[in-house]
Amino acid sequence: MVKEDKYYIALDDYEHGIIVRSLNDTKTELQKEGKFTSDVNDLIVKVGTAPKKKFKVIEKDRDDESR
């Protein structure tokens, strides 16, 4: 069994709302076109019920990063 990569992003409440509304808009467009919406529905549930977690964000200047 292959382990899938997971992605974590930090969103504030405003950004979270934008994501949920965008997914709802996409779902509406798919419904109008007569296409399946199950994948978008799954994402709406996943994003809408994602737990909040407090953490520290340490920002670095791009100039300080070595490549």
PDB file of N, CA and C in Angstrom:
ATOM      1  N   MET A   1       0.839  -1.178   0.000  1.00  0.00           N
ATOM      2  CA  MET A   1       0.000   0.000   0.000  1.00  0.00           C
ATOM      3  C   MET A   1       0.883   1.241   0.000  1.00  0.00           C
ATOM      4  N   VAL A   2       0.632   2.134  -0.920  1.00  0.00           N
ATOM      5  CA  VAL A   2       1.425   3.349  -1.051  1.00  0.00           C
ATOM      6  C   VAL A   2       0.843   4.436  -0.154  1.00  0.00           C
ATOM      7  N   LYS A   3       1.717   5.070   0.606  1.00  0.00           N
ATOM      8  CA  LYS A   3       1.283   6.148   1.484  1.00  0.00           C
ATOM      9  C   LYS A   3       1.137   7.432   0.669  1.00  0.00           C
ATOM     10  N   GLU A   4      -0.027   8.072   0.778  1.00  0.00           N
ATOM     11  CA  GLU A   4      -0.268   9.311   0.046  1.00  0.00           C
ATOM     12  C   GLU A   4       0.297  10.489   0.818  1.00  0.00           C
ATOM     13  N   ASP A   5       0.795  11.479   0.083  1.00  0.00           N
ATOM     14  CA  ASP A   5       1.249  12.715   0.708  1.00  0.00           C
ATOM     15  C   ASP A   5       0.041  13.496   1.198  1.00  0.00           C
ATOM     16  N   LYS A   6       0.206  14.184   2.319  1.00  0.00           N
ATOM     17  CA  LYS A   6      -0.837  15.062   2.839  1.00  0.00           C
ATOM     18  C   LYS A   6      -0.299  16.477   2.837  1.00  0.00           C
ATOM     19  N   TYR A   7      -1.184  17.413   2.591  1.00  0.00           N
ATOM     20  CA  TYR A   7      -0.814  18.816   2.559  1.00  0.00           C
ATOM     21  C   TYR A   7      -1.530  19.551   3.680  1.00  0.00           C
ATOM     22  N   TYR A   8      -0.816  20.406   4.362  1.00  0.00           N
ATOM     23  CA  TYR A   8      -1.370  21.201   5.445  1.00  0.00           C
ATOM     24  C   TYR A   8      -1.188  22.665   5.089  1.00  0.00           C
ATOM     25  N   ILE A   9      -2.254  23.441   5.248  1.00  0.00           N
ATOM     26  CA  ILE A   9      -2.162  24.870   4.988  1.00  0.00           C
ATOM     27  C   ILE A   9      -2.750  25.623   6.171  1.00  0.00           C
ATOM     28  N   ALA A  10      -2.253  26.811   6.401  1.00  0.00           N
ATOM     29  CA  ALA A  10      -2.752  27.653   7.488  1.00  0.00           C
ATOM     30  C   ALA A  10      -3.661  28.720   6.887  1.00  0.00           C
ATOM     31  N   LEU A  11      -4.887  28.775   7.366  1.00  0.00           N
ATOM     32  CA  LEU A  11      -5.863  29.747   6.885  1.00  0.00           C
ATOM     33  C   LEU A  11      -6.462  30.490   8.069  1.00  0.00           C
ATOM     34  N   ASP A  12      -6.705  31.789   7.893  1.00  0.00           N
ATOM     35  CA  ASP A  12      -7.490  32.483   8.908  1.00  0.00           C
ATOM     36  C   ASP A  12      -8.969  32.285   8.567  1.00  0.00           C
ATOM     37  N   ASP A  13      -9.861  32.785   9.410  1.00  0.00           N
ATOM     38  CA  ASP A  13     -11.292  32.559   9.199  1.00  0.00           C
ATOM     39  C   ASP A  13     -11.772  33.120   7.862  1.00  0.00           C
ATOM     40  N   TYR A  14     -11.250  34.272   7.479  1.00  0.00           N
ATOM     41  CA  TYR A  14     -11.641  34.889   6.211  1.00  0.00           C
ATOM     42  C   TYR A  14     -11.236  34.004   5.028  1.00  0.00           C
ATOM     43  N   GLU A  15      -9.998  33.542   5.030  1.00  0.00           N
ATOM     44  CA  GLU A  15      -9.507  32.682   3.950  1.00  0.00           C
ATOM     45  C   GLU A  15     -10.268  31.356   3.910  1.00  0.00           C
ATOM     46  N   HIS A  16     -10.571  30.818   5.069  1.00  0.00           N
ATOM     47  CA  HIS A  16     -11.347  29.576   5.157  1.00  0.00           C
ATOM     48  C   HIS A  16     -12.712  29.772   4.496  1.00  0.00           C
ATOM     49  N   GLY A  17     -13.336  30.914   4.772  1.00  0.00           N
ATOM     50  CA  GLY A  17     -14.629  31.221   4.172  1.00  0.00           C
ATOM     51  C   GLY A  17     -14.556  31.325   2.660  1.00  0.00           C
ATOM     52  N   ILE A  18     -13.492  31.932   2.160  1.00  0.00           N
ATOM     53  CA  ILE A  18     -13.303  32.054   0.710  1.00  0.00           C
ATOM     54  C   ILE A  18     -13.208  30.677   0.073  1.00  0.00           C
ATOM     55  N   ILE A  19     -12.456  29.782   0.687  1.00  0.00           N
ATOM     56  CA  ILE A  19     -12.303  28.422   0.148  1.00  0.00           C
ATOM     57  C   ILE A  19     -13.650  27.705   0.102  1.00  0.00           C
ATOM     58  N   VAL A  20     -14.402  27.771   1.193  1.00  0.00           N
ATOM     59  CA  VAL A  20     -15.698  27.081   1.247  1.00  0.00           C
ATOM     60  C   VAL A  20     -16.656  27.662   0.212  1.00  0.00           C
ATOM     61  N   ARG A  21     -16.711  29.004   0.102  1.00  0.00           N
ATOM     62  CA  ARG A  21     -17.597  29.628  -0.896  1.00  0.00           C
ATOM     63  C   ARG A  21     -17.176  29.268  -2.313  1.00  0.00           C
ATOM     64  N   SER A  22     -15.891  29.225  -2.567  1.00  0.00           N
ATOM     65  CA  SER A  22     -15.407  28.858  -3.902  1.00  0.00           C
ATOM     66  C   SER A  22     -15.786  27.425  -4.252  1.00  0.00           C
ATOM     67  N   LEU A  23     -15.662  26.540  -3.289  1.00  0.00           N
ATOM     68  CA  LEU A  23     -16.065  25.152  -3.522  1.00  0.00           C
ATOM     69  C   LEU A  23     -17.567  25.053  -3.776  1.00  0.00           C
ATOM     70  N   ASN A  24     -18.356  25.827  -3.032  1.00  0.00           N
ATOM     71  CA  ASN A  24     -19.801  25.834  -3.259  1.00  0.00           C
ATOM     72  C   ASN A  24     -20.144  26.377  -4.642  1.00  0.00           C
ATOM     73  N   ASP A  25     -19.445  27.427  -5.073  1.00  0.00           N
ATOM     74  CA  ASP A  25     -19.665  27.972  -6.418  1.00  0.00           C
ATOM     75  C   ASP A  25     -19.317  26.935  -7.483  1.00  0.00           C
ATOM     76  N   THR A  26     -18.219  26.225  -7.275  1.00  0.00           N
ATOM     77  CA  THR A  26     -17.815  25.177  -8.213  1.00  0.00           C
ATOM     78  C   THR A  26     -18.861  24.073  -8.262  1.00  0.00           C
ATOM     79  N   LYS A  27     -19.373  23.692  -7.106  1.00  0.00           N
ATOM     80  CA  LYS A  27     -20.411  22.660  -7.044  1.00  0.00           C
ATOM     81  C   LYS A  27     -21.654  23.100  -7.819  1.00  0.00           C
ATOM     82  N   THR A  28     -22.054  24.357  -7.646  1.00  0.00           N
ATOM     83  CA  THR A  28     -23.225  24.884  -8.347  1.00  0.00           C
ATOM     84  C   THR A  28     -23.023  24.852  -9.852  1.00  0.00           C
ATOM     85  N   GLU A  29     -21.838  25.247 -10.310  1.00  0.00           N
ATOM     86  CA  GLU A  29     -21.544  25.229 -11.748  1.00  0.00           C
ATOM     87  C   GLU A  29     -21.579  23.803 -12.299  1.00  0.00           C
ATOM     88  N   LEU A  30     -21.012  22.871 -11.563  1.00  0.00           N
ATOM     89  CA  LEU A  30     -21.033  21.473 -12.003  1.00  0.00           C
ATOM     90  C   LEU A  30     -22.462  20.942 -12.085  1.00  0.00           C
ATOM     91  N   GLN A  31     -23.294  21.320 -11.116  1.00  0.00           N
ATOM     92  CA  GLN A  31     -24.694  20.883 -11.135  1.00  0.00           C
ATOM     93  C   GLN A  31     -25.420  21.442 -12.355  1.00  0.00           C
ATOM     94  N   LYS A  32     -25.157  22.716 -12.680  1.00  0.00           N
ATOM     95  CA  LYS A  32     -25.783  23.338 -13.853  1.00  0.00           C
ATOM     96  C   LYS A  32     -25.381  22.623 -15.138  1.00  0.00           C
ATOM     97  N   GLU A  33     -24.147  22.117 -15.168  1.00  0.00           N
ATOM     98  CA  GLU A  33     -23.637  21.414 -16.347  1.00  0.00           C
ATOM     99  C   GLU A  33     -24.023  19.935 -16.339  1.00  0.00           C
ATOM    100  N   GLY A  34     -24.705  19.495 -15.300  1.00  0.00           N
ATOM    101  CA  GLY A  34     -25.129  18.102 -15.211  1.00  0.00           C
ATOM    102  C   GLY A  34     -24.001  17.137 -14.893  1.00  0.00           C
ATOM    103  N   LYS A  35     -22.944  17.641 -14.272  1.00  0.00           N
ATOM    104  CA  LYS A  35     -21.788  16.805 -13.939  1.00  0.00           C
ATOM    105  C   LYS A  35     -21.860  16.350 -12.484  1.00  0.00           C
ATOM    106  N   PHE A  36     -21.091  15.326 -12.170  1.00  0.00           N
ATOM    107  CA  PHE A  36     -21.044  14.800 -10.812  1.00  0.00           C
ATOM    108  C   PHE A  36     -20.373  15.798  -9.868  1.00  0.00           C
ATOM    109  N   THR A  37     -20.876  15.870  -8.644  1.00  0.00           N
ATOM    110  CA  THR A  37     -20.334  16.801  -7.653  1.00  0.00           C
ATOM    111  C   THR A  37     -19.789  16.096  -6.416  1.00  0.00           C
ATOM    112  N   SER A  38     -19.704  14.776  -6.453  1.00  0.00           N
ATOM    113  CA  SER A  38     -19.325  14.031  -5.247  1.00  0.00           C
ATOM    114  C   SER A  38     -17.925  14.392  -4.741  1.00  0.00           C
ATOM    115  N   ASP A  39     -16.982  14.601  -5.647  1.00  0.00           N
ATOM    116  CA  ASP A  39     -15.626  14.962  -5.204  1.00  0.00           C
ATOM    117  C   ASP A  39     -15.612  16.336  -4.538  1.00  0.00           C
ATOM    118  N   VAL A  40     -16.347  17.285  -5.121  1.00  0.00           N
ATOM    119  CA  VAL A  40     -16.418  18.627  -4.535  1.00  0.00           C
ATOM    120  C   VAL A  40     -17.149  18.567  -3.193  1.00  0.00           C
ATOM    121  N   ASN A  41     -18.201  17.754  -3.118  1.00  0.00           N
ATOM    122  CA  ASN A  41     -18.916  17.581  -1.845  1.00  0.00           C
ATOM    123  C   ASN A  41     -17.971  17.076  -0.761  1.00  0.00           C
ATOM    124  N   ASP A  42     -17.139  16.102  -1.107  1.00  0.00           N
ATOM    125  CA  ASP A  42     -16.178  15.558  -0.145  1.00  0.00           C
ATOM    126  C   ASP A  42     -15.211  16.636   0.336  1.00  0.00           C
ATOM    127  N   LEU A  43     -14.752  17.478  -0.582  1.00  0.00           N
ATOM    128  CA  LEU A  43     -13.837  18.563  -0.202  1.00  0.00           C
ATOM    129  C   LEU A  43     -14.524  19.595   0.685  1.00  0.00           C
ATOM    130  N   ILE A  44     -15.784  19.910   0.381  1.00  0.00           N
ATOM    131  CA  ILE A  44     -16.522  20.868   1.206  1.00  0.00           C
ATOM    132  C   ILE A  44     -16.619  20.352   2.636  1.00  0.00           C
ATOM    133  N   VAL A  45     -16.921  19.082   2.790  1.00  0.00           N
ATOM    134  CA  VAL A  45     -17.011  18.488   4.129  1.00  0.00           C
ATOM    135  C   VAL A  45     -15.646  18.497   4.801  1.00  0.00           C
ATOM    136  N   LYS A  46     -14.612  18.117   4.069  1.00  0.00           N
ATOM    137  CA  LYS A  46     -13.261  18.046   4.641  1.00  0.00           C
ATOM    138  C   LYS A  46     -12.779  19.423   5.098  1.00  0.00           C
ATOM    139  N   VAL A  47     -12.959  20.429   4.253  1.00  0.00           N
ATOM    140  CA  VAL A  47     -12.517  21.783   4.603  1.00  0.00           C
ATOM    141  C   VAL A  47     -13.418  22.377   5.685  1.00  0.00           C
ATOM    142  N   GLY A  48     -14.713  22.143   5.560  1.00  0.00           N
ATOM    143  CA  GLY A  48     -15.663  22.722   6.508  1.00  0.00           C
ATOM    144  C   GLY A  48     -15.544  22.171   7.910  1.00  0.00           C
ATOM    145  N   THR A  49     -15.089  20.946   8.044  1.00  0.00           N
ATOM    146  CA  THR A  49     -14.990  20.324   9.371  1.00  0.00           C
ATOM    147  C   THR A  49     -13.547  20.171   9.847  1.00  0.00           C
ATOM    148  N   ALA A  50     -12.616  20.787   9.144  1.00  0.00           N
ATOM    149  CA  ALA A  50     -11.205  20.686   9.538  1.00  0.00           C
ATOM    150  C   ALA A  50     -11.010  21.305  10.920  1.00  0.00           C
ATOM    151  N   PRO A  51     -10.269  20.637  11.795  1.00  0.00           N
ATOM    152  CA  PRO A  51     -10.072  21.167  13.146  1.00  0.00           C
ATOM    153  C   PRO A  51      -9.151  22.384  13.136  1.00  0.00           C
ATOM    154  N   LYS A  52      -9.413  23.280  14.074  1.00  0.00           N
ATOM    155  CA  LYS A  52      -8.531  24.432  14.243  1.00  0.00           C
ATOM    156  C   LYS A  52      -7.383  24.010  15.148  1.00  0.00           C
ATOM    157  N   LYS A  53      -6.213  24.502  14.847  1.00  0.00           N
ATOM    158  CA  LYS A  53      -5.047  24.153  15.635  1.00  0.00           C
ATOM    159  C   LYS A  53      -4.187  25.399  15.785  1.00  0.00           C
ATOM    160  N   LYS A  54      -3.749  25.677  16.991  1.00  0.00           N
ATOM    161  CA  LYS A  54      -2.884  26.830  17.227  1.00  0.00           C
ATOM    162  C   LYS A  54      -1.435  26.403  17.037  1.00  0.00           C
ATOM    163  N   PHE A  55      -0.670  27.259  16.383  1.00  0.00           N
ATOM    164  CA  PHE A  55       0.745  26.994  16.190  1.00  0.00           C
ATOM    165  C   PHE A  55       1.453  28.305  15.917  1.00  0.00           C
ATOM    166  N   LYS A  56       2.745  28.283  16.044  1.00  0.00           N
ATOM    167  CA  LYS A  56       3.546  29.476  15.779  1.00  0.00           C
ATOM    168  C   LYS A  56       4.014  29.460  14.339  1.00  0.00           C
ATOM    169  N   VAL A  57       3.995  30.629  13.738  1.00  0.00           N
ATOM    170  CA  VAL A  57       4.503  30.772  12.379  1.00  0.00           C
ATOM    171  C   VAL A  57       5.762  31.615  12.458  1.00  0.00           C
ATOM    172  N   ILE A  58       6.847  31.070  11.959  1.00  0.00           N
ATOM    173  CA  ILE A  58       8.113  31.794  11.924  1.00  0.00           C
ATOM    174  C   ILE A  58       8.382  32.153  10.474  1.00  0.00           C
ATOM    175  N   GLU A  59       8.372  33.456  10.210  1.00  0.00           N
ATOM    176  CA  GLU A  59       8.584  33.907   8.840  1.00  0.00           C
ATOM    177  C   GLU A  59      10.046  34.251   8.635  1.00  0.00           C
ATOM    178  N   LYS A  60      10.543  33.877   7.476  1.00  0.00           N
ATOM    179  CA  LYS A  60      11.919  34.188   7.113  1.00  0.00           C
ATOM    180  C   LYS A  60      11.905  35.102   5.903  1.00  0.00           C
ATOM    181  N   ASP A  61      12.872  35.997   5.854  1.00  0.00           N
ATOM    182  CA  ASP A  61      13.038  36.811   4.652  1.00  0.00           C
ATOM    183  C   ASP A  61      13.630  35.938   3.570  1.00  0.00           C
ATOM    184  N   ARG A  62      13.246  36.162   2.359  1.00  0.00           N
ATOM    185  CA  ARG A  62      13.775  35.385   1.233  1.00  0.00           C
ATOM    186  C   ARG A  62      15.287  35.552   1.112  1.00  0.00           C
ATOM    187  N   ASP A  63      15.793  36.729   1.489  1.00  0.00           N
ATOM    188  CA  ASP A  63      17.229  36.993   1.377  1.00  0.00           C
ATOM    189  C   ASP A  63      18.036  36.130   2.353  1.00  0.00           C
ATOM    190  N   ASP A  64      17.418  35.760   3.479  1.00  0.00           N
ATOM    191  CA  ASP A  64      18.118  34.987   4.499  1.00  0.00           C
ATOM    192  C   ASP A  64      18.224  33.506   4.157  1.00  0.00           C
ATOM    193  N   GLU A  65      17.379  33.047   3.249  1.00  0.00           N
ATOM    194  CA  GLU A  65      17.362  31.620   2.920  1.00  0.00           C
ATOM    195  C   GLU A  65      18.512  31.273   1.984  1.00  0.00           C
ATOM    196  N   SER A  66      19.194  30.205   2.300  1.00  0.00           N
ATOM    197  CA  SER A  66      20.238  29.735   1.392  1.00  0.00           C
ATOM    198  C   SER A  66      19.670  28.620   0.544  1.00  0.00           C
ATOM    199  N   ARG A  67      20.102  28.532  -0.672  1.00  0.00           N
ATOM    200  CA  ARG A  67      19.560  27.520  -1.591  1.00  0.00           C
ATOM    201  C   ARG A  67      20.567  26.489  -1.881  1.00  0.00           C
TER     202      ARG A  67
END
